[in-house]
Amino acid sequence: WAEGNGIPAYSDDLTLMAKAGCEVCSHTGYKGRIGIHELLIGHDDVKRAIKNKAAADEIRKIGMETGMRTLRMDGIEKVFQGQTDLDQILRVCL
């Protein structure tokens, strides 16, 4: 799912960020907040499934096929962009 959703594919030169504490962040490695977002686009197939009271798993499947981005996908993209680290994303995206 990575390449089709704007997330870079794995390569040997991929660098993942790691937190490093300092005086400014009280040695936590984090300063401020960033949002991670899940986005389900209201395509006709998704709307039809919701109207027909489809199970959540079915709606999610249709959503993924039509471009849905999950919290984890958005978080991983932000890891690749150097905005946060994988530990933090895995902590909030059970």
PDB file of N, CA and C in Angstrom:
ATOM      1  N   TRP A   1       0.810  -1.201   0.000  1.00  0.00           N
ATOM      2  CA  TRP A   1       0.000   0.000   0.000  1.00  0.00           C
ATOM      3  C   TRP A   1       0.848   1.257   0.000  1.00  0.00           C
ATOM      4  N   ALA A   2       2.132   1.140   0.285  1.00  0.00           N
ATOM      5  CA  ALA A   2       2.981   2.325   0.444  1.00  0.00           C
ATOM      6  C   ALA A   2       3.039   3.192  -0.811  1.00  0.00           C
ATOM      7  N   GLU A   3       3.467   2.613  -1.927  1.00  0.00           N
ATOM      8  CA  GLU A   3       3.690   3.418  -3.124  1.00  0.00           C
ATOM      9  C   GLU A   3       2.420   4.103  -3.612  1.00  0.00           C
ATOM     10  N   GLY A   4       1.301   3.438  -3.534  1.00  0.00           N
ATOM     11  CA  GLY A   4       0.058   4.001  -4.025  1.00  0.00           C
ATOM     12  C   GLY A   4      -0.546   5.074  -3.133  1.00  0.00           C
ATOM     13  N   ASN A   5       0.044   5.299  -1.958  1.00  0.00           N
ATOM     14  CA  ASN A   5      -0.523   6.258  -1.019  1.00  0.00           C
ATOM     15  C   ASN A   5       0.456   7.361  -0.634  1.00  0.00           C
ATOM     16  N   GLY A   6       1.449   7.609  -1.478  1.00  0.00           N
ATOM     17  CA  GLY A   6       2.377   8.705  -1.230  1.00  0.00           C
ATOM     18  C   GLY A   6       3.458   8.402  -0.218  1.00  0.00           C
ATOM     19  N   ILE A   7       3.547   7.176   0.240  1.00  0.00           N
ATOM     20  CA  ILE A   7       4.579   6.799   1.195  1.00  0.00           C
ATOM     21  C   ILE A   7       5.731   6.186   0.414  1.00  0.00           C
ATOM     22  N   PRO A   8       6.962   6.661   0.664  1.00  0.00           N
ATOM     23  CA  PRO A   8       8.088   6.119  -0.100  1.00  0.00           C
ATOM     24  C   PRO A   8       8.261   4.627   0.122  1.00  0.00           C
ATOM     25  N   ALA A   9       8.684   3.934  -0.913  1.00  0.00           N
ATOM     26  CA  ALA A   9       8.972   2.509  -0.795  1.00  0.00           C
ATOM     27  C   ALA A   9      10.281   2.324  -0.019  1.00  0.00           C
ATOM     28  N   TYR A  10      10.455   1.171   0.570  1.00  0.00           N
ATOM     29  CA  TYR A  10      11.687   0.882   1.296  1.00  0.00           C
ATOM     30  C   TYR A  10      12.871   0.921   0.342  1.00  0.00           C
ATOM     31  N   SER A  11      13.962   1.482   0.820  1.00  0.00           N
ATOM     32  CA  SER A  11      15.221   1.443   0.082  1.00  0.00           C
ATOM     33  C   SER A  11      16.353   1.401   1.099  1.00  0.00           C
ATOM     34  N   ASP A  12      17.549   1.007   0.650  1.00  0.00           N
ATOM     35  CA  ASP A  12      18.690   0.896   1.564  1.00  0.00           C
ATOM     36  C   ASP A  12      19.120   2.243   2.140  1.00  0.00           C
ATOM     37  N   ASP A  13      18.796   3.338   1.463  1.00  0.00           N
ATOM     38  CA  ASP A  13      19.193   4.653   1.974  1.00  0.00           C
ATOM     39  C   ASP A  13      18.088   5.338   2.785  1.00  0.00           C
ATOM     40  N   LEU A  14      17.045   4.608   3.140  1.00  0.00           N
ATOM     41  CA  LEU A  14      15.953   5.149   3.944  1.00  0.00           C
ATOM     42  C   LEU A  14      16.470   5.467   5.346  1.00  0.00           C
ATOM     43  N   THR A  15      16.191   6.667   5.829  1.00  0.00           N
ATOM     44  CA  THR A  15      16.605   7.083   7.164  1.00  0.00           C
ATOM     45  C   THR A  15      15.375   7.323   8.013  1.00  0.00           C
ATOM     46  N   LEU A  16      15.288   6.656   9.143  1.00  0.00           N
ATOM     47  CA  LEU A  16      14.201   6.894  10.093  1.00  0.00           C
ATOM     48  C   LEU A  16      14.731   7.776  11.208  1.00  0.00           C
ATOM     49  N   MET A  17      13.936   8.750  11.610  1.00  0.00           N
ATOM     50  CA  MET A  17      14.341   9.670  12.663  1.00  0.00           C
ATOM     51  C   MET A  17      14.198   8.978  14.019  1.00  0.00           C
ATOM     52  N   ALA A  18      15.055   9.381  14.958  1.00  0.00           N
ATOM     53  CA  ALA A  18      14.975   8.892  16.329  1.00  0.00           C
ATOM     54  C   ALA A  18      14.983  10.100  17.247  1.00  0.00           C
ATOM     55  N   LYS A  19      14.244  10.029  18.338  1.00  0.00           N
ATOM     56  CA  LYS A  19      14.185  11.168  19.244  1.00  0.00           C
ATOM     57  C   LYS A  19      15.511  11.333  19.968  1.00  0.00           C
ATOM     58  N   ALA A  20      15.830  12.583  20.257  1.00  0.00           N
ATOM     59  CA  ALA A  20      17.025  12.918  21.032  1.00  0.00           C
ATOM     60  C   ALA A  20      16.621  14.039  21.979  1.00  0.00           C
ATOM     61  N   GLY A  21      16.816  13.838  23.261  1.00  0.00           N
ATOM     62  CA  GLY A  21      16.389  14.821  24.245  1.00  0.00           C
ATOM     63  C   GLY A  21      17.363  15.974  24.398  1.00  0.00           C
ATOM     64  N   CYS A  22      16.839  17.101  24.909  1.00  0.00           N
ATOM     65  CA  CYS A  22      17.659  18.280  25.182  1.00  0.00           C
ATOM     66  C   CYS A  22      16.994  19.080  26.297  1.00  0.00           C
ATOM     67  N   GLU A  23      17.608  20.194  26.688  1.00  0.00           N
ATOM     68  CA  GLU A  23      17.036  21.046  27.738  1.00  0.00           C
ATOM     69  C   GLU A  23      15.677  21.626  27.330  1.00  0.00           C
ATOM     70  N   VAL A  24      15.527  22.003  26.062  1.00  0.00           N
ATOM     71  CA  VAL A  24      14.296  22.642  25.592  1.00  0.00           C
ATOM     72  C   VAL A  24      13.092  21.717  25.746  1.00  0.00           C
ATOM     73  N   CYS A  25      13.282  20.417  25.475  1.00  0.00           N
ATOM     74  CA  CYS A  25      12.155  19.481  25.527  1.00  0.00           C
ATOM     75  C   CYS A  25      12.127  18.657  26.814  1.00  0.00           C
ATOM     76  N   SER A  26      12.911  19.066  27.803  1.00  0.00           N
ATOM     77  CA  SER A  26      12.995  18.340  29.085  1.00  0.00           C
ATOM     78  C   SER A  26      13.425  16.889  28.874  1.00  0.00           C
ATOM     79  N   HIS A  27      14.283  16.676  27.894  1.00  0.00           N
ATOM     80  CA  HIS A  27      14.870  15.359  27.587  1.00  0.00           C
ATOM     81  C   HIS A  27      13.843  14.313  27.151  1.00  0.00           C
ATOM     82  N   THR A  28      12.725  14.762  26.598  1.00  0.00           N
ATOM     83  CA  THR A  28      11.727  13.817  26.086  1.00  0.00           C
ATOM     84  C   THR A  28      11.978  13.482  24.624  1.00  0.00           C
ATOM     85  N   GLY A  29      12.589  14.406  23.897  1.00  0.00           N
ATOM     86  CA  GLY A  29      12.801  14.211  22.465  1.00  0.00           C
ATOM     87  C   GLY A  29      11.681  14.769  21.608  1.00  0.00           C
ATOM     88  N   TYR A  30      10.683  15.394  22.251  1.00  0.00           N
ATOM     89  CA  TYR A  30       9.543  15.930  21.515  1.00  0.00           C
ATOM     90  C   TYR A  30       9.315  17.383  21.890  1.00  0.00           C
ATOM     91  N   LYS A  31       8.946  18.187  20.895  1.00  0.00           N
ATOM     92  CA  LYS A  31       8.590  19.578  21.130  1.00  0.00           C
ATOM     93  C   LYS A  31       7.355  19.886  20.292  1.00  0.00           C
ATOM     94  N   GLY A  32       6.314  20.358  20.922  1.00  0.00           N
ATOM     95  CA  GLY A  32       5.101  20.689  20.195  1.00  0.00           C
ATOM     96  C   GLY A  32       4.302  19.444  19.842  1.00  0.00           C
ATOM     97  N   ARG A  33       3.360  19.648  18.934  1.00  0.00           N
ATOM     98  CA  ARG A  33       2.474  18.558  18.514  1.00  0.00           C
ATOM     99  C   ARG A  33       2.290  18.626  17.014  1.00  0.00           C
ATOM    100  N   ILE A  34       2.028  17.486  16.426  1.00  0.00           N
ATOM    101  CA  ILE A  34       1.607  17.432  15.030  1.00  0.00           C
ATOM    102  C   ILE A  34       0.355  16.574  14.981  1.00  0.00           C
ATOM    103  N   GLY A  35      -0.472  16.836  14.034  1.00  0.00           N
ATOM    104  CA  GLY A  35      -1.682  16.037  13.880  1.00  0.00           C
ATOM    105  C   GLY A  35      -1.440  14.873  12.947  1.00  0.00           C
ATOM    106  N   ILE A  36      -2.058  13.770  13.259  1.00  0.00           N
ATOM    107  CA  ILE A  36      -2.147  12.672  12.302  1.00  0.00           C
ATOM    108  C   ILE A  36      -3.635  12.479  12.041  1.00  0.00           C
ATOM    109  N   HIS A  37      -3.952  12.221  10.791  1.00  0.00           N
ATOM    110  CA  HIS A  37      -5.357  12.237  10.399  1.00  0.00           C
ATOM    111  C   HIS A  37      -5.734  10.999   9.605  1.00  0.00           C
ATOM    112  N   GLU A  38      -6.943  10.540   9.829  1.00  0.00           N
ATOM    113  CA  GLU A  38      -7.515   9.473   9.019  1.00  0.00           C
ATOM    114  C   GLU A  38      -8.555  10.119   8.115  1.00  0.00           C
ATOM    115  N   LEU A  39      -8.521   9.778   6.853  1.00  0.00           N
ATOM    116  CA  LEU A  39      -9.415  10.415   5.898  1.00  0.00           C
ATOM    117  C   LEU A  39     -10.135   9.372   5.064  1.00  0.00           C
ATOM    118  N   LEU A  40     -11.446   9.350   5.171  1.00  0.00           N
ATOM    119  CA  LEU A  40     -12.296   8.492   4.357  1.00  0.00           C
ATOM    120  C   LEU A  40     -13.043   9.388   3.387  1.00  0.00           C
ATOM    121  N   ILE A  41     -12.744   9.252   2.102  1.00  0.00           N
ATOM    122  CA  ILE A  41     -13.385  10.054   1.068  1.00  0.00           C
ATOM    123  C   ILE A  41     -14.789   9.492   0.807  1.00  0.00           C
ATOM    124  N   GLY A  42     -15.757  10.372   0.677  1.00  0.00           N
ATOM    125  CA  GLY A  42     -17.145   9.951   0.478  1.00  0.00           C
ATOM    126  C   GLY A  42     -17.466   9.620  -0.970  1.00  0.00           C
ATOM    127  N   HIS A  43     -16.756   8.642  -1.534  1.00  0.00           N
ATOM    128  CA  HIS A  43     -17.058   8.188  -2.895  1.00  0.00           C
ATOM    129  C   HIS A  43     -18.419   7.490  -2.916  1.00  0.00           C
ATOM    130  N   ASP A  44     -18.990   7.364  -4.094  1.00  0.00           N
ATOM    131  CA  ASP A  44     -20.315   6.747  -4.223  1.00  0.00           C
ATOM    132  C   ASP A  44     -20.365   5.349  -3.610  1.00  0.00           C
ATOM    133  N   ASP A  45     -19.309   4.545  -3.826  1.00  0.00           N
ATOM    134  CA  ASP A  45     -19.294   3.183  -3.267  1.00  0.00           C
ATOM    135  C   ASP A  45     -19.319   3.210  -1.744  1.00  0.00           C
ATOM    136  N   VAL A  46     -18.588   4.142  -1.154  1.00  0.00           N
ATOM    137  CA  VAL A  46     -18.567   4.270   0.308  1.00  0.00           C
ATOM    138  C   VAL A  46     -19.946   4.709   0.801  1.00  0.00           C
ATOM    139  N   LYS A  47     -20.523   5.700   0.154  1.00  0.00           N
ATOM    140  CA  LYS A  47     -21.848   6.183   0.550  1.00  0.00           C
ATOM    141  C   LYS A  47     -22.895   5.082   0.445  1.00  0.00           C
ATOM    142  N   ARG A  48     -22.804   4.299  -0.619  1.00  0.00           N
ATOM    143  CA  ARG A  48     -23.757   3.201  -0.828  1.00  0.00           C
ATOM    144  C   ARG A  48     -23.611   2.161   0.289  1.00  0.00           C
ATOM    145  N   ALA A  49     -22.378   1.844   0.641  1.00  0.00           N
ATOM    146  CA  ALA A  49     -22.144   0.856   1.702  1.00  0.00           C
ATOM    147  C   ALA A  49     -22.687   1.351   3.038  1.00  0.00           C
ATOM    148  N   ILE A  50     -22.468   2.622   3.326  1.00  0.00           N
ATOM    149  CA  ILE A  50     -22.983   3.187   4.574  1.00  0.00           C
ATOM    150  C   ILE A  50     -24.508   3.167   4.572  1.00  0.00           C
ATOM    151  N   LYS A  51     -25.101   3.575   3.461  1.00  0.00           N
ATOM    152  CA  LYS A  51     -26.568   3.596   3.350  1.00  0.00           C
ATOM    153  C   LYS A  51     -27.156   2.202   3.519  1.00  0.00           C
ATOM    154  N   ASN A  52     -26.444   1.184   3.007  1.00  0.00           N
ATOM    155  CA  ASN A  52     -26.910  -0.198   3.108  1.00  0.00           C
ATOM    156  C   ASN A  52     -26.510  -0.863   4.421  1.00  0.00           C
ATOM    157  N   LYS A  53     -25.977  -0.066   5.344  1.00  0.00           N
ATOM    158  CA  LYS A  53     -25.590  -0.543   6.681  1.00  0.00           C
ATOM    159  C   LYS A  53     -24.587  -1.696   6.622  1.00  0.00           C
ATOM    160  N   ALA A  54     -23.603  -1.546   5.730  1.00  0.00           N
ATOM    161  CA  ALA A  54     -22.536  -2.549   5.626  1.00  0.00           C
ATOM    162  C   ALA A  54     -21.718  -2.552   6.915  1.00  0.00           C
ATOM    163  N   ALA A  55     -21.074  -3.671   7.177  1.00  0.00           N
ATOM    164  CA  ALA A  55     -20.202  -3.787   8.350  1.00  0.00           C
ATOM    165  C   ALA A  55     -19.028  -2.812   8.208  1.00  0.00           C
ATOM    166  N   ALA A  56     -18.500  -2.391   9.347  1.00  0.00           N
ATOM    167  CA  ALA A  56     -17.385  -1.436   9.345  1.00  0.00           C
ATOM    168  C   ALA A  56     -16.195  -1.963   8.544  1.00  0.00           C
ATOM    169  N   ASP A  57     -15.916  -3.252   8.638  1.00  0.00           N
ATOM    170  CA  ASP A  57     -14.800  -3.835   7.878  1.00  0.00           C
ATOM    171  C   ASP A  57     -15.013  -3.695   6.376  1.00  0.00           C
ATOM    172  N   GLU A  58     -16.247  -3.854   5.928  1.00  0.00           N
ATOM    173  CA  GLU A  58     -16.551  -3.718   4.505  1.00  0.00           C
ATOM    174  C   GLU A  58     -16.400  -2.259   4.057  1.00  0.00           C
ATOM    175  N   ILE A  59     -16.873  -1.335   4.887  1.00  0.00           N
ATOM    176  CA  ILE A  59     -16.729   0.085   4.555  1.00  0.00           C
ATOM    177  C   ILE A  59     -15.253   0.457   4.502  1.00  0.00           C
ATOM    178  N   ARG A  60     -14.483  -0.050   5.443  1.00  0.00           N
ATOM    179  CA  ARG A  60     -13.035   0.223   5.455  1.00  0.00           C
ATOM    180  C   ARG A  60     -12.375  -0.338   4.201  1.00  0.00           C
ATOM    181  N   LYS A  61     -12.742  -1.554   3.815  1.00  0.00           N
ATOM    182  CA  LYS A  61     -12.181  -2.183   2.607  1.00  0.00           C
ATOM    183  C   LYS A  61     -12.472  -1.327   1.376  1.00  0.00           C
ATOM    184  N   ILE A  62     -13.711  -0.900   1.246  1.00  0.00           N
ATOM    185  CA  ILE A  62     -14.085  -0.053   0.112  1.00  0.00           C
ATOM    186  C   ILE A  62     -13.330   1.274   0.186  1.00  0.00           C
ATOM    187  N   GLY A  63     -13.245   1.829   1.378  1.00  0.00           N
ATOM    188  CA  GLY A  63     -12.522   3.084   1.559  1.00  0.00           C
ATOM    189  C   GLY A  63     -11.067   2.969   1.139  1.00  0.00           C
ATOM    190  N   MET A  64     -10.409   1.881   1.536  1.00  0.00           N
ATOM    191  CA  MET A  64      -9.005   1.678   1.175  1.00  0.00           C
ATOM    192  C   MET A  64      -8.850   1.558  -0.341  1.00  0.00           C
ATOM    193  N   GLU A  65      -9.810   0.919  -0.980  1.00  0.00           N
ATOM    194  CA  GLU A  65      -9.756   0.762  -2.439  1.00  0.00           C
ATOM    195  C   GLU A  65      -9.966   2.088  -3.163  1.00  0.00           C
ATOM    196  N   THR A  66     -10.600   3.046  -2.482  1.00  0.00           N
ATOM    197  CA  THR A  66     -10.890   4.331  -3.128  1.00  0.00           C
ATOM    198  C   THR A  66     -10.048   5.476  -2.579  1.00  0.00           C
ATOM    199  N   GLY A  67      -8.946   5.149  -1.885  1.00  0.00           N
ATOM    200  CA  GLY A  67      -7.995   6.185  -1.482  1.00  0.00           C
ATOM    201  C   GLY A  67      -7.989   6.590  -0.029  1.00  0.00           C
ATOM    202  N   MET A  68      -8.656   5.838   0.826  1.00  0.00           N
ATOM    203  CA  MET A  68      -8.648   6.163   2.253  1.00  0.00           C
ATOM    204  C   MET A  68      -7.225   6.108   2.800  1.00  0.00           C
ATOM    205  N   ARG A  69      -6.935   7.029   3.718  1.00  0.00           N
ATOM    206  CA  ARG A  69      -5.648   7.028   4.422  1.00  0.00           C
ATOM    207  C   ARG A  69      -5.931   6.801   5.902  1.00  0.00           C
ATOM    208  N   THR A  70      -5.256   5.837   6.493  1.00  0.00           N
ATOM    209  CA  THR A  70      -5.461   5.536   7.905  1.00  0.00           C
ATOM    210  C   THR A  70      -4.547   6.403   8.765  1.00  0.00           C
ATOM    211  N   LEU A  71      -4.834   6.429  10.070  1.00  0.00           N
ATOM    212  CA  LEU A  71      -3.961   7.139  11.004  1.00  0.00           C
ATOM    213  C   LEU A  71      -2.535   6.633  10.902  1.00  0.00           C
ATOM    214  N   ARG A  72      -2.393   5.330  10.855  1.00  0.00           N
ATOM    215  CA  ARG A  72      -1.047   4.750  10.798  1.00  0.00           C
ATOM    216  C   ARG A  72      -0.325   5.148   9.508  1.00  0.00           C
ATOM    217  N   MET A  73      -1.031   5.144   8.388  1.00  0.00           N
ATOM    218  CA  MET A  73      -0.416   5.536   7.121  1.00  0.00           C
ATOM    219  C   MET A  73       0.055   6.983   7.183  1.00  0.00           C
ATOM    220  N   ASP A  74      -0.779   7.875   7.707  1.00  0.00           N
ATOM    221  CA  ASP A  74      -0.401   9.275   7.815  1.00  0.00           C
ATOM    222  C   ASP A  74       0.779   9.431   8.767  1.00  0.00           C
ATOM    223  N   GLY A  75       0.750   8.685   9.862  1.00  0.00           N
ATOM    224  CA  GLY A  75       1.856   8.744  10.817  1.00  0.00           C
ATOM    225  C   GLY A  75       3.163   8.265  10.218  1.00  0.00           C
ATOM    226  N   ILE A  76       3.126   7.166   9.498  1.00  0.00           N
ATOM    227  CA  ILE A  76       4.342   6.633   8.883  1.00  0.00           C
ATOM    228  C   ILE A  76       4.891   7.622   7.851  1.00  0.00           C
ATOM    229  N   GLU A  77       4.012   8.257   7.114  1.00  0.00           N
ATOM    230  CA  GLU A  77       4.481   9.285   6.172  1.00  0.00           C
ATOM    231  C   GLU A  77       5.194  10.407   6.920  1.00  0.00           C
ATOM    232  N   LYS A  78       4.688  10.792   8.091  1.00  0.00           N
ATOM    233  CA  LYS A  78       5.327  11.848   8.879  1.00  0.00           C
ATOM    234  C   LYS A  78       6.652  11.374   9.484  1.00  0.00           C
ATOM    235  N   VAL A  79       6.778  10.085   9.740  1.00  0.00           N
ATOM    236  CA  VAL A  79       8.071   9.535  10.158  1.00  0.00           C
ATOM    237  C   VAL A  79       9.082   9.698   9.025  1.00  0.00           C
ATOM    238  N   PHE A  80       8.686   9.336   7.809  1.00  0.00           N
ATOM    239  CA  PHE A  80       9.580   9.462   6.658  1.00  0.00           C
ATOM    240  C   PHE A  80       9.940  10.920   6.372  1.00  0.00           C
ATOM    241  N   GLN A  81       9.056  11.840   6.717  1.00  0.00           N
ATOM    242  CA  GLN A  81       9.326  13.263   6.514  1.00  0.00           C
ATOM    243  C   GLN A  81      10.172  13.855   7.634  1.00  0.00           C
ATOM    244  N   GLY A  82      10.468  13.051   8.665  1.00  0.00           N
ATOM    245  CA  GLY A  82      11.293  13.519   9.775  1.00  0.00           C
ATOM    246  C   GLY A  82      10.546  14.356  10.798  1.00  0.00           C
ATOM    247  N   GLN A  83       9.213  14.311  10.792  1.00  0.00           N
ATOM    248  CA  GLN A  83       8.429  15.105  11.729  1.00  0.00           C
ATOM    249  C   GLN A  83       8.245  14.434  13.080  1.00  0.00           C
ATOM    250  N   THR A  84       8.399  13.120  13.131  1.00  0.00           N
ATOM    251  CA  THR A  84       8.233  12.368  14.379  1.00  0.00           C
ATOM    252  C   THR A  84       8.983  11.055  14.231  1.00  0.00           C
ATOM    253  N   ASP A  85       8.887  10.202  15.237  1.00  0.00           N
ATOM    254  CA  ASP A  85       9.552   8.901  15.140  1.00  0.00           C
ATOM    255  C   ASP A  85       8.529   7.764  15.215  1.00  0.00           C
ATOM    256  N   LEU A  86       8.968   6.591  14.815  1.00  0.00           N
ATOM    257  CA  LEU A  86       8.071   5.442  14.722  1.00  0.00           C
ATOM    258  C   LEU A  86       7.512   5.037  16.082  1.00  0.00           C
ATOM    259  N   ASP A  87       8.305   5.153  17.142  1.00  0.00           N
ATOM    260  CA  ASP A  87       7.807   4.796  18.478  1.00  0.00           C
ATOM    261  C   ASP A  87       6.565   5.600  18.837  1.00  0.00           C
ATOM    262  N   GLN A  88       6.584   6.888  18.540  1.00  0.00           N
ATOM    263  CA  GLN A  88       5.450   7.742  18.873  1.00  0.00           C
ATOM    264  C   GLN A  88       4.220   7.362  18.054  1.00  0.00           C
ATOM    265  N   ILE A  89       4.397   7.087  16.786  1.00  0.00           N
ATOM    266  CA  ILE A  89       3.264   6.702  15.935  1.00  0.00           C
ATOM    267  C   ILE A  89       2.674   5.376  16.394  1.00  0.00           C
ATOM    268  N   LEU A  90       3.523   4.412  16.691  1.00  0.00           N
ATOM    269  CA  LEU A  90       3.017   3.111  17.150  1.00  0.00           C
ATOM    270  C   LEU A  90       2.326   3.231  18.500  1.00  0.00           C
ATOM    271  N   ARG A  91       2.750   4.187  19.314  1.00  0.00           N
ATOM    272  CA  ARG A  91       2.120   4.397  20.629  1.00  0.00           C
ATOM    273  C   ARG A  91       0.688   4.894  20.462  1.00  0.00           C
ATOM    274  N   VAL A  92       0.453   5.784  19.510  1.00  0.00           N
ATOM    275  CA  VAL A  92      -0.885   6.361  19.367  1.00  0.00           C
ATOM    276  C   VAL A  92      -1.756   5.633  18.355  1.00  0.00           C
ATOM    277  N   CYS A  93      -1.172   4.828  17.490  1.00  0.00           N
ATOM    278  CA  CYS A  93      -1.941   4.074  16.493  1.00  0.00           C
ATOM    279  C   CYS A  93      -1.891   2.595  16.846  1.00  0.00           C
ATOM    280  N   LEU A  94      -2.638   2.219  17.827  1.00  0.00           N
ATOM    281  CA  LEU A  94      -2.632   0.834  18.303  1.00  0.00           C
ATOM    282  C   LEU A  94      -2.834  -0.060  17.150  1.00  0.00           C
TER     283      LEU A  94
END
